[in-house]
Amino acid sequence: MGHSSRRKFLRQSSLGAAGYLFASGLVNSSFASSSVFSPSRTPAILGGQPLFNETSWVKWPMWVQSEDEKTLIESVRSGVWSRAKLVDEFENKWAAAIGVKRCLTVVNGTNALITAINQLDIGAGDEVITTPYTFIASVQAILANNAMPVFADIDPATYQIDPDKIESKITKKTKAILVVHILGLPADMDRIMAVAKKHNLIVIEDACQAHLAVYDHKVVGSIGRTGCFSFQNSKNLPIGEGGAIVSNDDKFIDNCFAAHNLGYAYGTSTGAVAGDSFMRASKIRLTEYAAAIGLAQLKRLEDQTNTRHENAAYLSSLIKDIDGVKPIKLYDKVTRGAYHLYSFRYNPEGFKGMSRTKFLDALRKEGVPCSGGYKVMHTQEFMRETFNSRVYKGFYSKKMLDFEDYKQRNNCPENAALCNDAVWMTQNVLLGSRKDMEGIAEAIRNISKNAGKI
């Protein structure tokens, strides 16, 4: 079967990537214990049989020995381990997948963000507006450049930064908006780009969780001035550790290349590659064997992304009418979500007052991996420690560094509420079958039905 025919088969099979996994012998023939699907079933937390066992879900990261190892072994045996032709190949293919001219790989997504921010001349004294609902790396990347994170609250339906809240946070010191497509779902880029254009601000897309998510026919990461990705082990394209910066701006990427290679000039940068270093920089180059792993994972990403998107939509349709459950919403122009995480909001009132902690425990006992997600970011101790540093005291006023005042200025009530009621499931759950999605919905419905006993 040809490549295009195989992709068509996978998408039409209703199992998507799960069908491929079964055919490859990577998982058991039965994902869920479907024999125990029953409205009268006793929940596992009350002694009933769990709907899923620990082997039910697609193992992540995925490795298909017969397909994936040839290039990796050849790269290891070659002795060429530092960046060379395989890194170049991965960068070219990732740029094509995102729909941009250029890609530069680095050692992880955090350093992709740090480098991109730095090479956009954002630093001490500058303010960067971002979302409070994000992984810590988004904020640490701003702090690593000695800039000031400013938080704009979220849209409670989509969990993304609310464009209506951005404009009120803009000051004469604001230089950029760091948009995070959190959970792998696109933010409202039309409105964000309009605000940025109005105030002459740089837009950086943190797409570290959003591999191949699509907004208005554009892959996220290609809409702003630059986009950054992570290839950490849990990500939808896992390498172990790795990251990428993408852009259509040749000079910017050339400067990022120099920054990731000890400041030695590259492309449009002045000087010669083997000449004198022309900037203060680091050394954060990707290895050849990491690129070999990335190339293997990239072959499956399109089909897996479609499967996640389709299964997420199906699961949401199954649980949206359960009292106390509100699935995450996509903006109208989002045609594909990456769904690094699937989420819904949990209301104890629909479960007879059951706490989220108890609900998560009950769902885990059914064999469904889940968590409560992020905690409030701007009140954490790393922020206070940064404000007490000599660099920050040298560039910011005492009032700006008053931590209690900072917490108040950056208070985001919608974010705080979400941190208290979100429920997450990891992306590999969405690589299961439609029957698995029905099983998850059955588990939630059964917990709800028996909430008074739990």
Protein backbone atom coordinates (compact mmCIF):
# COMPACT_ATOMS: atom_id res chain seq x y z
CA MET A 1 0.00 0.00 0.00
CA GLY A 2 1.43 3.40 -0.99
CA HIS A 3 1.99 6.17 1.53
CA SER A 4 -0.99 8.29 0.45
CA SER A 5 -3.25 5.23 0.27
CA ARG A 6 -2.15 4.12 3.72
CA ARG A 7 -2.91 7.56 5.18
CA LYS A 8 -6.37 7.50 3.57
CA PHE A 9 -7.01 4.05 5.01
CA LEU A 10 -5.98 5.15 8.50
CA ARG A 11 -8.27 8.16 8.48
CA GLN A 12 -11.22 6.15 7.20
CA SER A 13 -10.78 3.24 9.58
CA SER A 14 -12.38 5.11 12.56
CA LEU A 15 -9.39 3.97 14.59
CA GLY A 16 -6.92 6.30 12.87
CA ALA A 17 -3.50 5.83 14.45
CA ALA A 18 -5.02 3.21 16.73
CA GLY A 19 -5.73 1.05 13.68
CA TYR A 20 -2.11 1.38 12.67
CA LEU A 21 -0.97 0.43 16.16
CA PHE A 22 -3.11 -2.68 16.13
CA ALA A 23 -1.84 -3.66 12.68
CA SER A 24 1.72 -3.13 13.86
CA GLY A 25 1.24 -5.31 16.93
CA LEU A 26 2.11 -2.46 19.28
CA VAL A 27 -0.99 -2.87 21.43
CA ASN A 28 -3.43 -5.58 22.39
CA SER A 29 -6.40 -6.29 20.17
CA SER A 30 -8.82 -5.03 22.83
CA PHE A 31 -8.22 -1.58 24.27
CA ALA A 32 -11.07 -1.50 26.76
CA SER A 33 -12.78 -4.09 28.89
CA SER A 34 -15.95 -3.55 26.88
CA SER A 35 -17.69 -6.46 28.57
CA VAL A 36 -18.13 -4.38 31.71
CA PHE A 37 -19.78 -1.43 29.93
CA SER A 38 -23.15 -1.34 31.67
CA PRO A 39 -25.44 1.32 33.16
CA SER A 40 -25.74 -0.80 36.31
CA ARG A 41 -22.00 -1.35 36.69
CA THR A 42 -20.45 -0.64 40.09
CA PRO A 43 -17.69 2.01 39.81
CA ALA A 44 -14.19 0.69 40.41
CA ILE A 45 -13.73 3.04 43.38
CA LEU A 46 -16.61 1.18 45.05
CA GLY A 47 -15.17 -2.25 44.26
CA GLY A 48 -16.33 -2.80 40.70
CA GLN A 49 -14.23 -3.97 37.78
CA PRO A 50 -12.22 -1.12 36.16
CA LEU A 51 -13.21 -0.27 32.61
CA PHE A 52 -9.57 -0.11 31.50
CA ASN A 53 -6.37 -1.75 32.64
CA GLU A 54 -2.90 -0.21 32.65
CA THR A 55 -2.09 -1.72 29.24
CA SER A 56 -5.22 -0.27 27.62
CA TRP A 57 -3.60 2.87 26.31
CA VAL A 58 -1.12 3.47 23.52
CA LYS A 59 2.37 3.34 24.99
CA TRP A 60 4.17 6.65 24.64
CA PRO A 61 6.56 7.48 23.11
CA MET A 62 5.93 5.13 20.23
CA TRP A 63 8.77 3.22 18.60
CA VAL A 64 8.31 0.83 15.66
CA GLN A 65 11.55 -1.10 15.50
CA SER A 66 11.18 -2.32 11.93
CA GLU A 67 10.47 1.19 10.61
CA ASP A 68 12.32 3.53 12.94
CA GLU A 69 15.73 2.08 13.70
CA LYS A 70 17.56 2.03 10.37
CA THR A 71 18.42 5.74 10.21
CA LEU A 72 19.08 5.96 13.94
CA ILE A 73 21.52 3.03 13.94
CA GLU A 74 23.26 4.33 10.84
CA SER A 75 23.70 7.72 12.50
CA VAL A 76 25.14 6.18 15.65
CA ARG A 77 27.50 3.90 13.73
CA SER A 78 28.69 6.76 11.53
CA GLY A 79 30.33 8.55 14.44
CA VAL A 80 28.84 11.84 13.15
CA TRP A 81 26.84 12.72 16.22
CA SER A 82 26.90 16.51 16.30
CA ARG A 83 24.54 18.41 13.98
CA ALA A 84 24.98 17.58 10.30
CA LYS A 85 22.81 16.32 7.43
CA LEU A 86 20.11 14.62 9.55
CA VAL A 87 19.51 17.77 11.57
CA ASP A 88 19.31 19.72 8.31
CA GLU A 89 16.82 17.19 6.93
CA PHE A 90 14.62 17.36 10.02
CA GLU A 91 14.69 21.18 9.99
CA ASN A 92 13.68 21.27 6.33
CA LYS A 93 10.84 18.80 6.86
CA TRP A 94 9.58 20.56 9.99
CA ALA A 95 9.60 23.93 8.20
CA ALA A 96 7.57 22.37 5.38
CA ALA A 97 5.12 20.81 7.84
CA ILE A 98 4.53 24.17 9.54
CA GLY A 99 4.42 26.08 6.25
CA VAL A 100 7.35 28.42 6.83
CA LYS A 101 10.66 29.10 5.08
CA ARG A 102 13.02 28.27 7.90
CA CYS A 103 13.47 26.10 10.98
CA LEU A 104 16.27 25.92 13.52
CA THR A 105 16.44 23.05 16.00
CA VAL A 106 17.80 23.43 19.53
CA VAL A 107 18.13 21.21 22.59
CA ASN A 108 14.62 21.82 23.98
CA GLY A 109 11.52 23.98 23.71
CA THR A 110 12.55 26.17 26.64
CA ASN A 111 15.76 27.17 24.86
CA ALA A 112 13.81 27.71 21.65
CA LEU A 113 11.73 30.31 23.49
CA ILE A 114 14.73 31.85 25.25
CA THR A 115 16.67 32.18 22.00
CA ALA A 116 13.75 33.56 20.00
CA ILE A 117 12.95 36.18 22.63
CA ASN A 118 16.61 37.16 22.86
CA GLN A 119 17.07 37.52 19.10
CA LEU A 120 13.99 39.74 18.89
CA ASP A 121 15.90 42.17 21.13
CA ILE A 122 13.57 41.71 24.08
CA GLY A 123 15.36 42.12 27.38
CA ALA A 124 15.82 44.07 30.59
CA GLY A 125 13.21 46.79 31.02
CA ASP A 126 10.81 45.30 28.45
CA GLU A 127 7.41 43.83 29.24
CA VAL A 128 5.98 40.72 27.57
CA ILE A 129 2.27 39.98 27.86
CA THR A 130 1.42 36.30 28.12
CA THR A 131 -1.14 33.87 29.50
CA PRO A 132 -1.21 32.72 33.13
CA TYR A 133 -2.40 29.25 32.05
CA THR A 134 0.79 27.70 30.75
CA PHE A 135 3.76 25.51 31.54
CA ILE A 136 6.45 27.24 33.58
CA ALA A 137 8.90 27.30 30.64
CA SER A 138 6.90 30.05 28.92
CA VAL A 139 7.44 32.37 31.87
CA GLN A 140 10.99 31.24 32.62
CA ALA A 141 11.98 32.08 29.03
CA ILE A 142 10.84 35.68 29.56
CA LEU A 143 12.70 35.88 32.87
CA ALA A 144 15.83 34.33 31.35
CA ASN A 145 16.00 37.41 29.11
CA ASN A 146 15.51 39.72 32.12
CA ALA A 147 12.16 40.92 30.78
CA MET A 148 8.99 41.33 32.85
CA PRO A 149 6.09 38.86 32.39
CA VAL A 150 2.67 40.53 32.41
CA PHE A 151 -0.34 38.23 32.61
CA ALA A 152 -3.61 38.76 30.77
CA ASP A 153 -6.48 36.54 31.88
CA ILE A 154 -7.94 33.67 29.88
CA ASP A 155 -11.11 32.93 27.99
CA PRO A 156 -12.82 30.46 30.36
CA ALA A 157 -14.32 28.44 27.50
CA THR A 158 -11.13 27.90 25.48
CA TYR A 159 -8.47 28.30 28.23
CA GLN A 160 -6.51 30.54 25.83
CA ILE A 161 -5.34 34.10 26.50
CA ASP A 162 -8.33 36.44 26.10
CA PRO A 163 -7.63 39.07 23.42
CA ASP A 164 -10.04 41.44 25.20
CA LYS A 165 -7.80 41.35 28.28
CA ILE A 166 -4.55 42.04 26.43
CA GLU A 167 -5.05 45.65 25.45
CA SER A 168 -5.58 46.89 29.02
CA LYS A 169 -2.19 45.39 29.97
CA ILE A 170 -0.21 47.30 27.31
CA THR A 171 2.14 50.04 28.53
CA LYS A 172 4.91 52.03 26.90
CA LYS A 173 7.29 49.26 28.01
CA THR A 174 5.35 46.45 26.30
CA LYS A 175 7.36 44.94 23.48
CA ALA A 176 5.75 41.60 22.69
CA ILE A 177 2.85 39.21 23.16
CA LEU A 178 3.87 35.64 23.89
CA VAL A 179 0.85 33.62 22.74
CA VAL A 180 0.70 30.08 24.13
CA HIS A 181 -1.48 27.60 22.23
CA ILE A 182 -2.03 25.74 25.45
CA LEU A 183 -3.02 22.07 25.50
CA GLY A 184 -2.29 22.06 21.75
CA LEU A 185 -5.29 24.23 20.84
CA PRO A 186 -4.96 27.48 18.87
CA ALA A 187 -5.54 30.85 20.48
CA ASP A 188 -7.72 33.49 18.80
CA MET A 189 -4.97 34.65 16.45
CA ASP A 190 -7.00 37.07 14.33
CA ARG A 191 -7.86 39.26 17.28
CA ILE A 192 -4.41 38.92 18.85
CA MET A 193 -2.66 39.90 15.64
CA ALA A 194 -4.99 42.89 15.30
CA VAL A 195 -4.08 44.11 18.80
CA ALA A 196 -0.38 43.58 18.06
CA LYS A 197 -0.60 45.51 14.78
CA LYS A 198 -2.46 48.38 16.45
CA HIS A 199 0.25 48.75 19.12
CA ASN A 200 3.26 47.72 17.02
CA LEU A 201 4.02 44.64 19.14
CA ILE A 202 5.92 41.47 18.25
CA VAL A 203 3.92 38.23 18.38
CA ILE A 204 5.77 35.10 19.45
CA GLU A 205 3.87 31.82 19.29
CA ASP A 206 4.64 29.27 21.98
CA ALA A 207 3.42 26.23 20.06
CA CYS A 208 5.37 23.79 22.22
CA GLN A 209 2.21 21.72 22.76
CA ALA A 210 0.55 22.45 19.43
CA HIS A 211 2.22 20.36 16.73
CA LEU A 212 0.25 20.69 13.46
CA ALA A 213 -2.74 22.46 15.03
CA VAL A 214 -4.46 24.60 12.38
CA TYR A 215 -6.08 28.03 12.67
CA ASP A 216 -7.72 29.60 9.62
CA HIS A 217 -5.86 27.27 7.23
CA LYS A 218 -2.49 28.13 8.82
CA VAL A 219 -0.48 25.81 11.04
CA VAL A 220 0.19 27.51 14.36
CA GLY A 221 3.74 28.75 14.68
CA SER A 222 3.51 30.28 11.20
CA ILE A 223 1.22 33.19 12.07
CA GLY A 224 3.31 35.44 14.33
CA ARG A 225 6.86 36.69 13.84
CA THR A 226 8.16 33.34 15.04
CA GLY A 227 6.93 30.07 16.52
CA CYS A 228 8.59 27.74 19.02
CA PHE A 229 8.09 24.00 19.49
CA SER A 230 9.09 21.34 22.01
CA PHE A 231 9.96 17.72 21.24
CA GLN A 232 10.22 16.58 24.86
CA ASN A 233 9.28 12.97 25.57
CA SER A 234 5.60 13.59 26.35
CA LYS A 235 5.00 15.82 23.33
CA ASN A 236 3.05 14.79 20.24
CA LEU A 237 6.35 14.60 18.37
CA PRO A 238 8.73 13.13 20.97
CA ILE A 239 12.50 13.06 20.67
CA GLY A 240 13.33 12.86 24.36
CA GLU A 241 14.49 16.44 24.44
CA GLY A 242 14.53 18.88 21.55
CA GLY A 243 13.01 22.10 20.30
CA ALA A 244 12.61 24.25 17.22
CA ILE A 245 12.28 27.88 16.18
CA VAL A 246 10.44 28.59 12.93
CA SER A 247 10.01 31.80 10.94
CA ASN A 248 9.81 33.33 7.48
CA ASP A 249 12.40 35.93 8.54
CA ASP A 250 15.78 34.80 7.17
CA LYS A 251 17.87 37.28 9.14
CA PHE A 252 16.12 36.38 12.39
CA ILE A 253 16.73 32.65 11.90
CA ASP A 254 20.33 33.28 10.85
CA ASN A 255 20.87 35.22 14.07
CA CYS A 256 19.20 32.44 16.06
CA PHE A 257 21.57 29.98 14.37
CA ALA A 258 24.54 32.06 15.49
CA ALA A 259 23.07 32.28 18.99
CA HIS A 260 22.74 28.50 19.23
CA ASN A 261 26.32 27.98 18.01
CA LEU A 262 28.51 30.16 20.25
CA GLY A 263 27.87 33.30 18.22
CA TYR A 264 29.59 32.18 15.04
CA ALA A 265 28.08 33.90 12.01
CA TYR A 266 25.69 32.11 9.69
CA GLY A 267 23.90 33.05 6.47
CA THR A 268 23.10 36.74 6.37
CA SER A 269 25.04 37.35 9.59
CA THR A 270 28.33 39.17 9.03
CA GLY A 271 31.60 37.27 9.12
CA ALA A 272 32.41 33.64 8.41
CA VAL A 273 31.17 30.46 10.07
CA ALA A 274 34.69 29.57 11.18
CA GLY A 275 35.64 33.17 11.90
CA ASP A 276 35.33 35.28 15.02
CA SER A 277 32.22 35.05 17.15
CA PHE A 278 30.17 38.22 16.84
CA MET A 279 27.65 37.84 19.69
CA ARG A 280 27.40 36.57 23.24
CA ALA A 281 25.76 33.19 22.84
CA SER A 282 25.35 29.63 24.00
CA LYS A 283 25.79 26.19 22.46
CA ILE A 284 22.46 24.40 22.22
CA ARG A 285 22.75 22.40 19.00
CA LEU A 286 20.64 19.31 18.33
CA THR A 287 22.42 15.98 17.75
CA GLU A 288 22.20 13.78 14.67
CA TYR A 289 20.74 10.81 16.53
CA ALA A 290 18.05 13.04 18.05
CA ALA A 291 17.15 14.20 14.54
CA ALA A 292 16.97 10.56 13.44
CA ILE A 293 14.39 9.90 16.16
CA GLY A 294 12.50 13.03 15.14
CA LEU A 295 12.38 11.96 11.49
CA ALA A 296 10.91 8.61 12.52
CA GLN A 297 8.23 10.27 14.66
CA LEU A 298 7.39 12.84 11.98
CA LYS A 299 6.20 10.12 9.59
CA ARG A 300 3.27 9.32 11.90
CA LEU A 301 2.42 12.80 13.17
CA GLU A 302 -0.15 13.81 10.53
CA ASP A 303 -2.27 10.69 11.01
CA GLN A 304 -1.93 10.80 14.79
CA THR A 305 -2.98 14.46 14.87
CA ASN A 306 -6.09 13.73 12.84
CA THR A 307 -6.95 10.83 15.15
CA ARG A 308 -6.55 12.98 18.28
CA HIS A 309 -8.71 15.72 16.81
CA GLU A 310 -11.46 13.31 15.73
CA ASN A 311 -11.48 11.38 19.01
CA ALA A 312 -11.49 14.58 21.06
CA ALA A 313 -14.54 15.83 19.15
CA TYR A 314 -16.28 12.49 19.64
CA LEU A 315 -15.48 12.35 23.37
CA SER A 316 -16.74 15.91 23.84
CA SER A 317 -20.00 15.01 22.09
CA LEU A 318 -20.44 12.09 24.50
CA ILE A 319 -19.84 13.98 27.74
CA LYS A 320 -21.17 17.48 27.02
CA ASP A 321 -24.61 16.69 28.44
CA ILE A 322 -23.33 15.17 31.69
CA ASP A 323 -24.24 17.54 34.51
CA GLY A 324 -21.06 19.03 36.01
CA VAL A 325 -18.90 18.46 32.91
CA LYS A 326 -18.05 21.21 30.39
CA PRO A 327 -15.65 20.21 27.57
CA ILE A 328 -13.11 22.71 26.29
CA LYS A 329 -14.23 24.78 23.31
CA LEU A 330 -12.39 25.53 20.06
CA TYR A 331 -12.54 28.90 18.30
CA ASP A 332 -14.57 28.88 15.10
CA LYS A 333 -11.52 29.20 12.85
CA VAL A 334 -9.76 26.20 14.42
CA THR A 335 -10.02 23.33 11.94
CA ARG A 336 -7.65 20.99 13.78
CA GLY A 337 -6.51 20.82 17.36
CA ALA A 338 -3.29 19.04 18.30
CA TYR A 339 -4.72 18.03 21.69
CA HIS A 340 -1.50 17.48 23.58
CA LEU A 341 -3.96 17.34 26.44
CA TYR A 342 -7.72 16.78 26.44
CA SER A 343 -9.57 18.78 29.07
CA PHE A 344 -12.94 19.59 30.53
CA ARG A 345 -14.10 21.68 33.46
CA TYR A 346 -15.51 19.87 36.48
CA ASN A 347 -18.29 21.27 38.65
CA PRO A 348 -18.84 19.41 41.96
CA GLU A 349 -22.48 20.52 42.01
CA GLY A 350 -23.20 18.08 39.18
CA PHE A 351 -21.65 15.28 41.23
CA LYS A 352 -23.46 15.83 44.54
CA GLY A 353 -20.63 17.98 45.90
CA MET A 354 -17.84 15.47 45.18
CA SER A 355 -14.47 17.25 45.20
CA ARG A 356 -12.34 17.31 42.08
CA THR A 357 -9.69 15.34 43.99
CA LYS A 358 -12.18 12.54 44.71
CA PHE A 359 -13.49 12.63 41.13
CA LEU A 360 -9.95 12.29 39.73
CA ASP A 361 -9.33 9.38 42.08
CA ALA A 362 -12.52 7.66 40.91
CA LEU A 363 -11.63 8.19 37.25
CA ARG A 364 -8.08 6.90 37.72
CA LYS A 365 -9.44 3.77 39.39
CA GLU A 366 -11.36 3.13 36.18
CA GLY A 367 -7.97 3.03 34.44
CA VAL A 368 -8.28 6.48 32.85
CA PRO A 369 -5.08 8.54 33.32
CA CYS A 370 -6.01 12.05 34.44
CA SER A 371 -4.87 15.00 36.51
CA GLY A 372 -5.92 18.48 37.61
CA GLY A 373 -3.42 20.35 35.44
CA TYR A 374 -1.68 23.64 36.16
CA LYS A 375 -1.47 25.67 39.33
CA VAL A 376 -1.57 29.47 39.47
CA MET A 377 1.76 30.69 38.06
CA HIS A 378 2.43 34.29 39.03
CA THR A 379 2.33 33.72 42.79
CA GLN A 380 5.02 31.04 42.82
CA GLU A 381 8.31 31.51 44.63
CA PHE A 382 10.49 31.56 41.51
CA MET A 383 8.96 34.92 40.64
CA ARG A 384 9.87 36.42 44.01
CA GLU A 385 13.40 35.01 43.75
CA THR A 386 13.83 36.59 40.32
CA PHE A 387 12.63 39.97 41.55
CA ASN A 388 15.24 39.83 44.33
CA SER A 389 18.08 39.34 41.85
CA ARG A 390 20.64 42.07 41.19
CA VAL A 391 19.70 42.28 37.51
CA TYR A 392 16.03 42.96 38.17
CA LYS A 393 16.78 45.43 40.96
CA GLY A 394 19.04 47.27 38.51
CA PHE A 395 16.43 47.63 35.76
CA TYR A 396 13.04 47.85 37.48
CA SER A 397 11.56 50.19 40.04
CA LYS A 398 10.95 49.14 43.62
CA LYS A 399 7.20 49.34 43.01
CA MET A 400 7.40 47.00 40.00
CA LEU A 401 9.38 44.52 42.10
CA ASP A 402 7.04 44.67 45.09
CA PHE A 403 5.92 41.05 44.93
CA GLU A 404 2.63 41.52 46.73
CA ASP A 405 1.78 44.42 44.43
CA TYR A 406 2.86 42.35 41.39
CA LYS A 407 0.56 39.50 42.40
CA GLN A 408 -2.34 41.89 42.72
CA ARG A 409 -1.64 43.60 39.37
CA ASN A 410 -1.45 40.24 37.65
CA ASN A 411 -4.39 38.63 39.38
CA CYS A 412 -6.35 36.59 36.82
CA PRO A 413 -9.58 35.29 38.37
CA GLU A 414 -10.64 33.22 35.35
CA ASN A 415 -7.29 31.45 35.40
CA ALA A 416 -7.52 30.82 39.14
CA ALA A 417 -10.96 29.26 38.69
CA LEU A 418 -9.70 27.03 35.87
CA CYS A 419 -6.75 25.84 37.94
CA ASN A 420 -9.28 24.70 40.52
CA ASP A 421 -11.68 22.83 38.25
CA ALA A 422 -9.84 21.54 35.13
CA VAL A 423 -9.50 17.84 34.40
CA TRP A 424 -6.78 16.68 32.00
CA MET A 425 -6.13 13.51 30.03
CA THR A 426 -2.88 12.92 28.16
CA GLN A 427 -2.67 12.86 24.36
CA ASN A 428 -2.00 9.13 24.02
CA VAL A 429 -5.50 8.44 25.40
CA LEU A 430 -6.87 10.10 22.26
CA LEU A 431 -4.98 7.61 20.09
CA GLY A 432 -7.37 4.88 21.17
CA SER A 433 -10.54 3.73 19.41
CA ARG A 434 -14.00 5.27 19.38
CA LYS A 435 -14.95 2.44 21.74
CA ASP A 436 -12.35 3.77 24.16
CA MET A 437 -13.91 7.23 24.01
CA GLU A 438 -17.27 5.63 24.78
CA GLY A 439 -15.64 3.85 27.71
CA ILE A 440 -14.27 7.12 29.13
CA ALA A 441 -17.69 8.71 28.82
CA GLU A 442 -19.27 5.67 30.47
CA ALA A 443 -16.80 5.94 33.35
CA ILE A 444 -17.63 9.61 33.94
CA ARG A 445 -21.36 8.99 33.64
CA ASN A 446 -21.17 6.09 36.09
CA ILE A 447 -19.20 8.15 38.61
CA SER A 448 -21.86 10.83 38.34
CA LYS A 449 -24.67 8.30 38.84
CA ASN A 450 -23.00 6.90 41.95
CA ALA A 451 -21.61 10.17 43.30
CA GLY A 452 -23.73 10.01 46.45
CA LYS A 453 -22.19 6.64 47.39
CA ILE A 454 -18.63 7.69 46.52
